[in-house]
């Protein structure tokens, strides 16, 4: 026999919740997009990301990241990390050839070899 819980104290599901948010980028106001959406995709720990990115900076090596932002969100991109500024990674984006800043919290994966999906 199940014990009855008091009203309003039902247990919530342990499943991660997937939510969509409205984009704050110019030109997409009021629309949802992959840039603004959050997902239940497992992410690397902040510690692991920072460790791999810092090692790449010290060794002047290229790493591949999956970044939840920019014009191609979540698409693997090669970067050459140059340094840290608080929670930002200053890096040369090998796709665009320009220097960019990547928010650490939007980097979902870092690998040190060529990305193959």
Foldseek 3Di string as FASTA:
>chain_A
DDDDDPPPPDDDDPDDDWDWDADPDPPRGPHTDQLRTDDPPAFDDLVVVVVVLVVLQVVQAKKWWQFSDDPDHRDIWIWRFNDDDPQWTWTQTPVVRHIDIGGSVRTRDIGRDDDDD
